C-alpha atoms as a PDB file:
ATOM      1  CA  MET A   1      10.784  -9.595  12.467  1.00  0.00           C
ATOM      2  CA  GLU A   2      11.069 -13.118  11.035  1.00  0.00           C
ATOM      3  CA  ALA A   3       9.853 -13.609   7.451  1.00  0.00           C
ATOM      4  CA  LYS A   4       7.096 -16.103   8.514  1.00  0.00           C
ATOM      5  CA  GLU A   5       5.688 -13.686  11.122  1.00  0.00           C
ATOM      6  CA  LEU A   6       5.902 -10.744   8.791  1.00  0.00           C
ATOM      7  CA  LEU A   7       4.093 -12.588   6.052  1.00  0.00           C
ATOM      8  CA  LYS A   8       1.397 -13.618   8.483  1.00  0.00           C
ATOM      9  CA  LYS A   9       0.841  -9.987   9.523  1.00  0.00           C
ATOM     10  CA  VAL A  10       0.893  -8.856   5.907  1.00  0.00           C
ATOM     11  CA  ARG A  11      -1.799 -11.373   4.995  1.00  0.00           C
ATOM     12  CA  LYS A  12      -3.992 -10.356   8.007  1.00  0.00           C
ATOM     13  CA  ILE A  13      -3.791  -6.648   7.158  1.00  0.00           C
ATOM     14  CA  GLU A  14      -4.367  -7.422   3.454  1.00  0.00           C
ATOM     15  CA  ILE A  15      -7.637  -9.356   4.187  1.00  0.00           C
ATOM     16  CA  LYS A  16      -8.954  -6.706   6.447  1.00  0.00           C
ATOM     17  CA  SER A  17      -7.996  -3.679   4.390  1.00  0.00           C
ATOM     18  CA  ARG A  18      -8.921  -5.133   1.103  1.00  0.00           C
ATOM     19  CA  GLY A  19     -12.431  -5.902   2.347  1.00  0.00           C
ATOM     20  CA  LEU A  20     -12.828  -2.431   3.795  1.00  0.00           C
ATOM     21  CA  SER A  21     -11.703  -0.726   0.669  1.00  0.00           C
ATOM     22  CA  ARG A  22     -13.752  -2.860  -1.573  1.00  0.00           C
ATOM     23  CA  ASP A  23     -17.025  -2.878   0.468  1.00  0.00           C
ATOM     24  CA  ILE A  24     -16.968   0.491   2.288  1.00  0.00           C
ATOM     25  CA  PHE A  25     -14.449   2.952   0.848  1.00  0.00           C
ATOM     26  CA  ALA A  26     -14.681   2.157  -2.905  1.00  0.00           C
ATOM     27  CA  GLY A  27     -17.528   4.591  -3.663  1.00  0.00           C
ATOM     28  CA  HIS A  28     -16.526   7.279  -1.195  1.00  0.00           C
ATOM     29  CA  TYR A  29     -12.932   7.177  -2.382  1.00  0.00           C
ATOM     30  CA  HIS A  30     -13.816   7.402  -6.109  1.00  0.00           C
ATOM     31  CA  SER A  31     -16.321  10.231  -5.592  1.00  0.00           C
ATOM     32  CA  ALA A  32     -13.941  12.161  -3.359  1.00  0.00           C
ATOM     33  CA  PHE A  33     -11.104  12.137  -5.902  1.00  0.00           C
ATOM     34  CA  LYS A  34     -12.893  11.957  -9.254  1.00  0.00           C
ATOM     35  CA  GLY A  35     -12.057  14.762 -11.548  1.00  0.00           C
ATOM     36  CA  ARG A  36      -9.432  16.321  -9.140  1.00  0.00           C
ATOM     37  CA  GLY A  37      -7.011  16.556 -12.073  1.00  0.00           C
ATOM     38  CA  MET A  38      -7.772  17.787 -15.580  1.00  0.00           C
ATOM     39  CA  ALA A  39      -5.583  16.773 -18.580  1.00  0.00           C
ATOM     40  CA  PHE A  40      -5.349  18.632 -22.003  1.00  0.00           C
ATOM     41  CA  SER A  41      -7.236  16.732 -24.662  1.00  0.00           C
ATOM     42  CA  GLU A  42      -7.474  18.699 -27.947  1.00  0.00           C
ATOM     43  CA  VAL A  43      -8.244  22.118 -29.501  1.00  0.00           C
ATOM     44  CA  ARG A  44     -11.386  22.959 -31.408  1.00  0.00           C
ATOM     45  CA  GLU A  45     -12.974  26.035 -32.944  1.00  0.00           C
ATOM     46  CA  TYR A  46     -14.487  28.528 -30.487  1.00  0.00           C
ATOM     47  CA  GLN A  47     -18.293  28.202 -29.930  1.00  0.00           C
ATOM     48  CA  PRO A  48     -20.601  30.835 -28.380  1.00  0.00           C
ATOM     49  CA  GLY A  49     -20.654  30.228 -24.608  1.00  0.00           C
ATOM     50  CA  ASP A  50     -17.075  28.864 -24.433  1.00  0.00           C
ATOM     51  CA  ASP A  51     -14.900  30.325 -21.660  1.00  0.00           C
ATOM     52  CA  ILE A  52     -12.656  32.906 -23.140  1.00  0.00           C
ATOM     53  CA  ARG A  53      -9.964  31.853 -20.575  1.00  0.00           C
ATOM     54  CA  SER A  54      -9.643  28.579 -22.421  1.00  0.00           C
ATOM     55  CA  ILE A  55      -8.740  30.178 -25.795  1.00  0.00           C
ATOM     56  CA  ASP A  56      -5.488  28.889 -27.262  1.00  0.00           C
ATOM     57  CA  TRP A  57      -3.874  32.068 -28.434  1.00  0.00           C
ATOM     58  CA  ASN A  58      -1.077  30.382 -30.330  1.00  0.00           C
ATOM     59  CA  VAL A  59      -3.443  28.354 -32.508  1.00  0.00           C
ATOM     60  CA  THR A  60      -5.874  31.274 -32.808  1.00  0.00           C
ATOM     61  CA  ALA A  61      -3.033  33.519 -34.193  1.00  0.00           C
ATOM     62  CA  ARG A  62      -1.897  30.827 -36.662  1.00  0.00           C
ATOM     63  CA  PHE A  63      -5.420  30.302 -38.190  1.00  0.00           C
ATOM     64  CA  ASN A  64      -6.802  33.835 -37.642  1.00  0.00           C
ATOM     65  CA  HIS A  65      -9.768  32.339 -36.004  1.00  0.00           C
ATOM     66  CA  PRO A  66     -10.428  31.533 -32.220  1.00  0.00           C
ATOM     67  CA  TYR A  67      -9.728  28.144 -30.978  1.00  0.00           C
ATOM     68  CA  VAL A  68     -10.168  26.789 -27.423  1.00  0.00           C
ATOM     69  CA  LYS A  69      -8.350  24.138 -25.397  1.00  0.00           C
ATOM     70  CA  VAL A  70     -10.451  21.184 -24.374  1.00  0.00           C
ATOM     71  CA  PHE A  71      -9.622  19.328 -21.128  1.00  0.00           C
ATOM     72  CA  GLU A  72     -10.945  16.083 -19.747  1.00  0.00           C
ATOM     73  CA  GLU A  73     -10.764  14.439 -16.289  1.00  0.00           C
ATOM     74  CA  GLU A  74      -7.629  12.426 -15.763  1.00  0.00           C
ATOM     75  CA  ARG A  75      -8.380   8.754 -15.644  1.00  0.00           C
ATOM     76  CA  GLU A  76      -5.536   8.115 -13.282  1.00  0.00           C
ATOM     77  CA  LEU A  77      -4.528   9.671 -10.022  1.00  0.00           C
ATOM     78  CA  THR A  78      -1.255   9.513  -8.067  1.00  0.00           C
ATOM     79  CA  VAL A  79      -1.769   8.852  -4.420  1.00  0.00           C
ATOM     80  CA  MET A  80       1.147   9.557  -1.991  1.00  0.00           C
ATOM     81  CA  LEU A  81       1.288   8.399   1.603  1.00  0.00           C
ATOM     82  CA  LEU A  82       3.500  10.515   3.973  1.00  0.00           C
ATOM     83  CA  ILE A  83       4.017   8.135   6.856  1.00  0.00           C
ATOM     84  CA  ASP A  84       5.309   9.409  10.255  1.00  0.00           C
ATOM     85  CA  SER A  85       7.991   6.918  11.442  1.00  0.00           C
ATOM     86  CA  SER A  86       9.284   8.918  14.450  1.00  0.00           C
ATOM     87  CA  GLY A  87       9.473   7.649  18.029  1.00  0.00           C
ATOM     88  CA  SER A  88       6.145   9.241  19.106  1.00  0.00           C
ATOM     89  CA  ARG A  89       4.219   6.734  16.985  1.00  0.00           C
ATOM     90  CA  GLU A  90       5.134   3.962  19.450  1.00  0.00           C
ATOM     91  CA  PHE A  91       2.568   5.189  22.006  1.00  0.00           C
ATOM     92  CA  GLY A  92      -0.751   3.585  22.637  1.00  0.00           C
ATOM     93  CA  THR A  93      -2.774   2.840  25.854  1.00  0.00           C
ATOM     94  CA  ARG A  94      -6.247   1.918  24.358  1.00  0.00           C
ATOM     95  CA  GLY A  95      -7.029  -0.216  21.372  1.00  0.00           C
ATOM     96  CA  MET A  96      -3.753  -0.215  19.580  1.00  0.00           C
ATOM     97  CA  LEU A  97      -0.435   1.655  19.229  1.00  0.00           C
ATOM     98  CA  LYS A  98      -0.415   4.744  17.008  1.00  0.00           C
ATOM     99  CA  LYS A  99       1.908   3.122  14.531  1.00  0.00           C
ATOM    100  CA  ASN A 100      -0.445   0.167  14.069  1.00  0.00           C
ATOM    101  CA  MET A 101      -3.370   2.540  13.435  1.00  0.00           C
ATOM    102  CA  ILE A 102      -1.194   4.341  10.906  1.00  0.00           C
ATOM    103  CA  THR A 103      -0.378   1.020   9.163  1.00  0.00           C
ATOM    104  CA  GLU A 104      -3.978  -0.115   8.898  1.00  0.00           C
ATOM    105  CA  ILE A 105      -5.217   3.210   7.549  1.00  0.00           C
ATOM    106  CA  ALA A 106      -2.374   3.375   5.057  1.00  0.00           C
ATOM    107  CA  ALA A 107      -3.064  -0.161   3.915  1.00  0.00           C
ATOM    108  CA  VAL A 108      -6.826   0.601   3.408  1.00  0.00           C
ATOM    109  CA  LEU A 109      -5.850   3.718   1.320  1.00  0.00           C
ATOM    110  CA  SER A 110      -3.401   1.727  -0.709  1.00  0.00           C
ATOM    111  CA  PHE A 111      -5.933  -0.990  -1.632  1.00  0.00           C
ATOM    112  CA  SER A 112      -8.523   1.744  -2.413  1.00  0.00           C
ATOM    113  CA  ALA A 113      -6.069   3.362  -4.797  1.00  0.00           C
ATOM    114  CA  ILE A 114      -5.266   0.269  -6.804  1.00  0.00           C
ATOM    115  CA  GLN A 115      -8.957  -0.692  -7.011  1.00  0.00           C
ATOM    116  CA  ASN A 116      -9.489   2.667  -8.589  1.00  0.00           C
ATOM    117  CA  ASN A 117      -6.562   2.112 -10.978  1.00  0.00           C
ATOM    118  CA  ASP A 118      -4.488   4.773  -9.308  1.00  0.00           C
ATOM    119  CA  LYS A 119      -0.783   4.775  -8.642  1.00  0.00           C
ATOM    120  CA  ILE A 120       0.397   4.621  -4.870  1.00  0.00           C
ATOM    121  CA  GLY A 121       3.748   5.720  -3.417  1.00  0.00           C
ATOM    122  CA  VAL A 122       5.057   6.291   0.101  1.00  0.00           C
ATOM    123  CA  ILE A 123       7.461   8.590   1.898  1.00  0.00           C
ATOM    124  CA  PHE A 124       8.587   7.409   5.305  1.00  0.00           C
ATOM    125  CA  PHE A 125       9.884  10.180   7.376  1.00  0.00           C
ATOM    126  CA  SER A 126      11.227  11.137  10.825  1.00  0.00           C
ATOM    127  CA  ASP A 127      13.234  14.451  11.075  1.00  0.00           C
ATOM    128  CA  ARG A 128      14.370  13.569   7.516  1.00  0.00           C
ATOM    129  CA  VAL A 129      13.061  11.403   4.648  1.00  0.00           C
ATOM    130  CA  GLU A 130      13.885   7.857   5.594  1.00  0.00           C
ATOM    131  CA  LYS A 131      12.645   5.976   2.610  1.00  0.00           C
ATOM    132  CA  PHE A 132      10.880   6.755  -0.654  1.00  0.00           C
ATOM    133  CA  ILE A 133       8.831   4.135  -2.616  1.00  0.00           C
ATOM    134  CA  PRO A 134       7.911   5.737  -6.076  1.00  0.00           C
ATOM    135  CA  PRO A 135       4.214   5.527  -7.010  1.00  0.00           C
ATOM    136  CA  LYS A 136       3.237   2.568  -9.125  1.00  0.00           C
ATOM    137  CA  LYS A 137       0.190   0.397  -9.685  1.00  0.00           C
ATOM    138  CA  GLY A 138      -0.662  -3.240  -8.878  1.00  0.00           C
ATOM    139  CA  ARG A 139      -1.319  -5.654  -6.024  1.00  0.00           C
ATOM    140  CA  LYS A 140       2.432  -6.649  -5.926  1.00  0.00           C
ATOM    141  CA  HIS A 141       3.510  -3.075  -5.374  1.00  0.00           C
ATOM    142  CA  THR A 142       0.830  -2.603  -2.716  1.00  0.00           C
ATOM    143  CA  LEU A 143       1.857  -5.711  -0.784  1.00  0.00           C
ATOM    144  CA  HIS A 144       5.463  -4.408  -0.897  1.00  0.00           C
ATOM    145  CA  ILE A 145       4.151  -1.153   0.707  1.00  0.00           C
ATOM    146  CA  ILE A 146       2.291  -3.049   3.476  1.00  0.00           C
ATOM    147  CA  ARG A 147       5.463  -5.074   4.204  1.00  0.00           C
ATOM    148  CA  GLU A 148       7.397  -1.881   4.590  1.00  0.00           C
ATOM    149  CA  LEU A 149       4.621  -0.307   6.775  1.00  0.00           C
ATOM    150  CA  ILE A 150       4.868  -3.225   9.122  1.00  0.00           C
ATOM    151  CA  ASP A 151       8.593  -3.837   9.195  1.00  0.00           C
ATOM    152  CA  PHE A 152      10.290  -0.651   8.384  1.00  0.00           C
ATOM    153  CA  VAL A 153      12.658   0.615  11.049  1.00  0.00           C
ATOM    154  CA  PRO A 154      13.761   4.266  10.820  1.00  0.00           C
ATOM    155  CA  GLU A 155      17.362   5.354  11.511  1.00  0.00           C
ATOM    156  CA  HIS A 156      16.142   8.525  13.410  1.00  0.00           C
ATOM    157  CA  ARG A 157      13.462   9.163  16.003  1.00  0.00           C
ATOM    158  CA  LYS A 158      12.773  12.814  15.885  1.00  0.00           C
ATOM    159  CA  THR A 159      10.077  14.584  13.790  1.00  0.00           C
ATOM    160  CA  ASP A 160      10.397  17.330  11.146  1.00  0.00           C
ATOM    161  CA  LEU A 161       7.254  17.586   9.019  1.00  0.00           C
ATOM    162  CA  SER A 162       8.812  20.055   6.623  1.00  0.00           C
ATOM    163  CA  GLU A 163      11.153  17.376   5.252  1.00  0.00           C
ATOM    164  CA  PRO A 164       8.527  15.021   3.661  1.00  0.00           C
ATOM    165  CA  LEU A 165       6.460  18.023   2.440  1.00  0.00           C
ATOM    166  CA  ARG A 166       9.569  19.479   0.711  1.00  0.00           C
ATOM    167  CA  PHE A 167      10.468  16.127  -0.788  1.00  0.00           C
ATOM    168  CA  LEU A 168       6.807  15.671  -2.000  1.00  0.00           C
ATOM    169  CA  THR A 169       6.923  19.109  -3.662  1.00  0.00           C
ATOM    170  CA  ASN A 170      10.219  18.509  -5.332  1.00  0.00           C
ATOM    171  CA  ALA A 171      10.001  14.764  -6.287  1.00  0.00           C
ATOM    172  CA  ILE A 172       6.405  14.306  -7.407  1.00  0.00           C
ATOM    173  CA  LYS A 173       5.920  16.631 -10.476  1.00  0.00           C
ATOM    174  CA  LYS A 174       2.433  15.589 -11.327  1.00  0.00           C
ATOM    175  CA  ARG A 175      -0.408  16.766  -8.987  1.00  0.00           C
ATOM    176  CA  SER A 176      -1.213  14.032  -6.477  1.00  0.00           C
ATOM    177  CA  THR A 177      -3.454  13.428  -3.567  1.00  0.00           C
ATOM    178  CA  ALA A 178      -1.174  13.191  -0.576  1.00  0.00           C
ATOM    179  CA  PHE A 179      -2.142  11.804   2.779  1.00  0.00           C
ATOM    180  CA  LEU A 180       0.112  13.117   5.603  1.00  0.00           C
ATOM    181  CA  ILE A 181      -0.521  10.505   8.401  1.00  0.00           C
ATOM    182  CA  SER A 182       1.047  11.663  11.700  1.00  0.00           C
ATOM    183  CA  ASP A 183       0.407  12.508  15.331  1.00  0.00           C
ATOM    184  CA  PHE A 184       1.766  15.943  14.381  1.00  0.00           C
ATOM    185  CA  PHE A 185       4.040  16.051  17.434  1.00  0.00           C
ATOM    186  CA  GLN A 186       6.927  18.150  16.017  1.00  0.00           C
ATOM    187  CA  SER A 187      10.405  17.806  17.455  1.00  0.00           C
ATOM    188  CA  ALA A 188      11.800  21.131  18.587  1.00  0.00           C
ATOM    189  CA  SER A 189      14.904  22.365  20.497  1.00  0.00           C
ATOM    190  CA  THR A 190      12.710  24.624  22.671  1.00  0.00           C
ATOM    191  CA  LYS A 191      11.664  23.612  26.078  1.00  0.00           C
ATOM    192  CA  LYS A 192       8.967  20.944  25.899  1.00  0.00           C
ATOM    193  CA  PRO A 193       5.678  20.743  27.829  1.00  0.00           C
ATOM    194  CA  ILE A 194       5.356  17.833  30.171  1.00  0.00           C
ATOM    195  CA  GLY A 195       2.667  16.502  27.955  1.00  0.00           C
ATOM    196  CA  SER A 196       5.414  15.455  25.526  1.00  0.00           C
ATOM    197  CA  MET A 197       6.825  13.134  28.171  1.00  0.00           C
ATOM    198  CA  THR A 198       5.497   9.671  28.925  1.00  0.00           C
ATOM    199  CA  PRO A 199       6.232   6.887  31.508  1.00  0.00           C
ATOM    200  CA  ASP A 200       9.946   5.853  31.236  1.00  0.00           C
ATOM    201  CA  ASN A 201       8.985   2.151  30.980  1.00  0.00           C
ATOM    202  CA  ALA A 202       6.681   2.833  28.031  1.00  0.00           C
ATOM    203  CA  ASP A 203       9.267   4.581  25.757  1.00  0.00           C
ATOM    204  CA  THR A 204       6.492   6.417  24.029  1.00  0.00           C
ATOM    205  CA  SER A 205       5.322   9.854  22.933  1.00  0.00           C
ATOM    206  CA  GLY A 206       7.512  12.552  21.383  1.00  0.00           C
ATOM    207  CA  ASN A 207       7.219  16.244  22.065  1.00  0.00           C
ATOM    208  CA  GLY A 208       4.288  18.337  20.850  1.00  0.00           C
ATOM    209  CA  ASN A 209       5.282  21.921  20.159  1.00  0.00           C
ATOM    210  CA  ILE A 210       2.493  22.878  17.785  1.00  0.00           C
ATOM    211  CA  PHE A 211       3.943  26.318  17.180  1.00  0.00           C
ATOM    212  CA  SER A 212       7.048  24.858  15.495  1.00  0.00           C
ATOM    213  CA  LEU A 213       4.983  23.268  12.668  1.00  0.00           C
ATOM    214  CA  PRO A 214       6.033  24.363   9.194  1.00  0.00           C
ATOM    215  CA  GLU A 215       3.140  26.553   8.097  1.00  0.00           C
ATOM    216  CA  ASP A 216       4.890  27.934   4.901  1.00  0.00           C
ATOM    217  CA  THR A 217       5.995  24.501   3.784  1.00  0.00           C
ATOM    218  CA  MET A 218       2.535  23.151   4.223  1.00  0.00           C
ATOM    219  CA  LYS A 219       0.983  25.942   2.220  1.00  0.00           C
ATOM    220  CA  ILE A 220       3.425  25.285  -0.666  1.00  0.00           C
ATOM    221  CA  ALA A 221       2.694  21.565  -0.642  1.00  0.00           C
ATOM    222  CA  ALA A 222      -1.051  22.129  -0.508  1.00  0.00           C
ATOM    223  CA  ARG A 223      -0.924  24.436  -3.492  1.00  0.00           C
ATOM    224  CA  LYS A 224       0.864  21.883  -5.626  1.00  0.00           C
ATOM    225  CA  HIS A 225      -0.914  18.738  -4.402  1.00  0.00           C
ATOM    226  CA  ASP A 226      -4.285  17.902  -2.712  1.00  0.00           C
ATOM    227  CA  LEU A 227      -2.880  17.480   0.741  1.00  0.00           C
ATOM    228  CA  VAL A 228      -4.833  15.650   3.406  1.00  0.00           C
ATOM    229  CA  ALA A 229      -3.906  15.407   7.031  1.00  0.00           C
ATOM    230  CA  ILE A 230      -4.890  12.326   9.059  1.00  0.00           C
ATOM    231  CA  ARG A 231      -3.951  12.926  12.673  1.00  0.00           C
ATOM    232  CA  ILE A 232      -3.637   9.901  14.956  1.00  0.00           C
ATOM    233  CA  TYR A 233      -3.684  10.417  18.750  1.00  0.00           C
ATOM    234  CA  ASP A 234      -4.237   8.476  21.994  1.00  0.00           C
ATOM    235  CA  LYS A 235      -6.680   9.617  24.531  1.00  0.00           C
ATOM    236  CA  ARG A 236      -4.176   9.233  27.283  1.00  0.00           C
ATOM    237  CA  GLU A 237      -2.275  12.115  25.587  1.00  0.00           C
ATOM    238  CA  THR A 238      -5.190  14.436  26.204  1.00  0.00           C
ATOM    239  CA  GLU A 239      -4.802  14.442  30.033  1.00  0.00           C
ATOM    240  CA  LEU A 240      -2.446  13.279  32.817  1.00  0.00           C
ATOM    241  CA  PRO A 241      -3.689  10.603  35.230  1.00  0.00           C
ATOM    242  CA  SER A 242      -3.312  11.022  38.875  1.00  0.00           C
ATOM    243  CA  MET A 243      -0.602   8.359  39.596  1.00  0.00           C
ATOM    244  CA  GLY A 244       1.833  10.043  41.906  1.00  0.00           C
ATOM    245  CA  MET A 245       5.470  10.761  40.921  1.00  0.00           C
ATOM    246  CA  LEU A 246       6.186   9.461  37.370  1.00  0.00           C
ATOM    247  CA  ARG A 247       9.544   9.135  35.631  1.00  0.00           C
ATOM    248  CA  VAL A 248       8.840   9.992  32.059  1.00  0.00           C
ATOM    249  CA  ARG A 249      11.043   9.902  28.922  1.00  0.00           C
ATOM    250  CA  ASP A 250      10.679  11.449  25.518  1.00  0.00           C
ATOM    251  CA  ALA A 251      10.963   8.784  22.976  1.00  0.00           C
ATOM    252  CA  GLU A 252      12.212  11.158  20.280  1.00  0.00           C
ATOM    253  CA  THR A 253      14.889  13.009  22.232  1.00  0.00           C
ATOM    254  CA  GLY A 254      15.649  10.688  25.190  1.00  0.00           C
ATOM    255  CA  GLU A 255      14.992  13.511  27.754  1.00  0.00           C
ATOM    256  CA  VAL A 256      14.002  12.227  31.149  1.00  0.00           C
ATOM    257  CA  ARG A 257      11.894  14.078  33.671  1.00  0.00           C
ATOM    258  CA  TRP A 258       9.979  13.503  36.930  1.00  0.00           C
ATOM    259  CA  VAL A 259       6.390  14.603  36.866  1.00  0.00           C
ATOM    260  CA  ASP A 260       4.151  14.970  40.006  1.00  0.00           C
ATOM    261  CA  THR A 261       0.855  13.803  38.662  1.00  0.00           C
ATOM    262  CA  LEU A 262      -0.845  14.184  42.140  1.00  0.00           C
ATOM    263  CA  SER A 263      -0.521  17.910  41.638  1.00  0.00           C
ATOM    264  CA  VAL A 264      -3.811  19.344  40.469  1.00  0.00           C
ATOM    265  CA  LYS A 265      -1.999  22.339  39.021  1.00  0.00           C
ATOM    266  CA  VAL A 266       0.269  20.214  36.967  1.00  0.00           C
ATOM    267  CA  ARG A 267      -2.633  18.235  35.577  1.00  0.00           C
ATOM    268  CA  ASP A 268      -4.593  21.388  34.791  1.00  0.00           C
ATOM    269  CA  GLN A 269      -1.608  22.899  33.077  1.00  0.00           C
ATOM    270  CA  TYR A 270      -1.234  19.858  30.860  1.00  0.00           C
ATOM    271  CA  SER A 271      -4.957  19.772  29.991  1.00  0.00           C
ATOM    272  CA  SER A 272      -4.691  23.461  29.170  1.00  0.00           C
ATOM    273  CA  TRP A 273      -1.689  22.837  26.908  1.00  0.00           C
ATOM    274  CA  TRP A 274      -3.504  19.969  25.048  1.00  0.00           C
ATOM    275  CA  ARG A 275      -6.588  22.129  24.385  1.00  0.00           C
ATOM    276  CA  GLU A 276      -4.304  24.915  23.013  1.00  0.00           C
ATOM    277  CA  TYR A 277      -2.413  22.491  20.898  1.00  0.00           C
ATOM    278  CA  ASP A 278      -5.586  20.950  19.515  1.00  0.00           C
ATOM    279  CA  LYS A 279      -7.091  24.332  18.751  1.00  0.00           C
ATOM    280  CA  ASN A 280      -3.981  25.612  17.025  1.00  0.00           C
ATOM    281  CA  LEU A 281      -3.589  22.500  15.016  1.00  0.00           C
ATOM    282  CA  GLY A 282      -7.141  22.816  13.694  1.00  0.00           C
ATOM    283  CA  GLN A 283      -6.622  26.485  12.821  1.00  0.00           C
ATOM    284  CA  LEU A 284      -3.355  25.671  11.025  1.00  0.00           C
ATOM    285  CA  PHE A 285      -5.125  23.115   8.777  1.00  0.00           C
ATOM    286  CA  LEU A 286      -7.790  25.753   7.946  1.00  0.00           C
ATOM    287  CA  LYS A 287      -5.238  28.430   7.258  1.00  0.00           C
ATOM    288  CA  THR A 288      -3.253  26.274   4.932  1.00  0.00           C
ATOM    289  CA  GLY A 289      -6.253  24.871   3.125  1.00  0.00           C
ATOM    290  CA  ILE A 290      -5.641  21.243   4.161  1.00  0.00           C
ATOM    291  CA  ASP A 291      -8.461  18.785   4.612  1.00  0.00           C
ATOM    292  CA  SER A 292      -8.118  16.935   7.980  1.00  0.00           C
ATOM    293  CA  VAL A 293      -9.352  14.419  10.346  1.00  0.00           C
ATOM    294  CA  SER A 294      -8.415  13.280  13.828  1.00  0.00           C
ATOM    295  CA  ILE A 295      -8.678   9.669  14.862  1.00  0.00           C
ATOM    296  CA  SER A 296      -8.018   8.153  18.327  1.00  0.00           C
ATOM    297  CA  THR A 297      -6.373   4.853  18.722  1.00  0.00           C
ATOM    298  CA  ASP A 298      -9.427   3.332  20.411  1.00  0.00           C
ATOM    299  CA  GLU A 299     -11.756   4.555  17.646  1.00  0.00           C
ATOM    300  CA  ASP A 300     -13.088   2.752  14.619  1.00  0.00           C
ATOM    301  CA  TYR A 301     -11.432   4.647  11.873  1.00  0.00           C
ATOM    302  CA  VAL A 302     -13.972   3.696   9.218  1.00  0.00           C
ATOM    303  CA  LYS A 303     -16.568   6.373  10.007  1.00  0.00           C
ATOM    304  CA  PRO A 304     -14.068   9.354  10.315  1.00  0.00           C
ATOM    305  CA  LEU A 305     -12.516   8.380   6.996  1.00  0.00           C
ATOM    306  CA  ILE A 306     -15.844   8.161   5.260  1.00  0.00           C
ATOM    307  CA  LYS A 307     -16.785  11.657   6.645  1.00  0.00           C
ATOM    308  CA  LEU A 308     -13.474  12.991   5.448  1.00  0.00           C
ATOM    309  CA  PHE A 309     -14.138  11.629   1.890  1.00  0.00           C
ATOM    310  CA  LYS A 310     -17.626  13.162   1.828  1.00  0.00           C
ATOM    311  CA  ARG A 311     -16.192  16.569   2.747  1.00  0.00           C
ATOM    312  CA  MET A 312     -13.521  16.435   0.010  1.00  0.00           C
END
């Protein structure tokens, strides 16, 4: 993308996302994450009613009198964005492409973070970590993130959600609020459902084997960080249209297949697969203790995000 065109897009997204984060998300964002982290402040003498679990036994033994640790809310949070950069994000039939929706939501969260004086960092991933932007503060840093969101081109097209989660767990030592923004279509070597295939001339969706998602890795990451899943999908992915024989191609693996969409059986099988996928994904988030929201590409993402913040 040429520099002039890129700057124009950055500016457009900045104006929209800064307005949303200031006027709509500011209060909801702050109330959702206020007090998530507690930092050690001081020790003081034990007073009746203090929680005995807060007793500092080293200091108590030294002075032969009970002392307790005092904690206070951390004034500053670290927010991490885990951005799906795989081939399946290039799909979109209504409203916008999934990757454009991901960019806008990530930009809004970025501006909300800096307005709350939080650090913001990004992990771009495919089936590996493609790029890491360490968390920092400030408008200049946020604009750098938005430029990368718009213009970043990954080297690989497949998806492995375990890679960014492992990286997050190992690289970010301080507890953070981490937004995993993806369509949650996990690349797998197993045979794919036809739902993972899309019209060849669209070069779009990847494969969606929900059962290959890394449950254990998600649990570990969710224990160390406040992990939030923002799932982006297109309504055309929920059912097959009746359009005759379609030549479809998996944008993540390159696999090509012919699909008879006139067949009621084929369409019913696909609809059944999607419902099962959707159900299992929701159960996975509950099982791993991850807050989540699903947003369609033709949907206004403001209300779903506000509802998410209110639940957190």
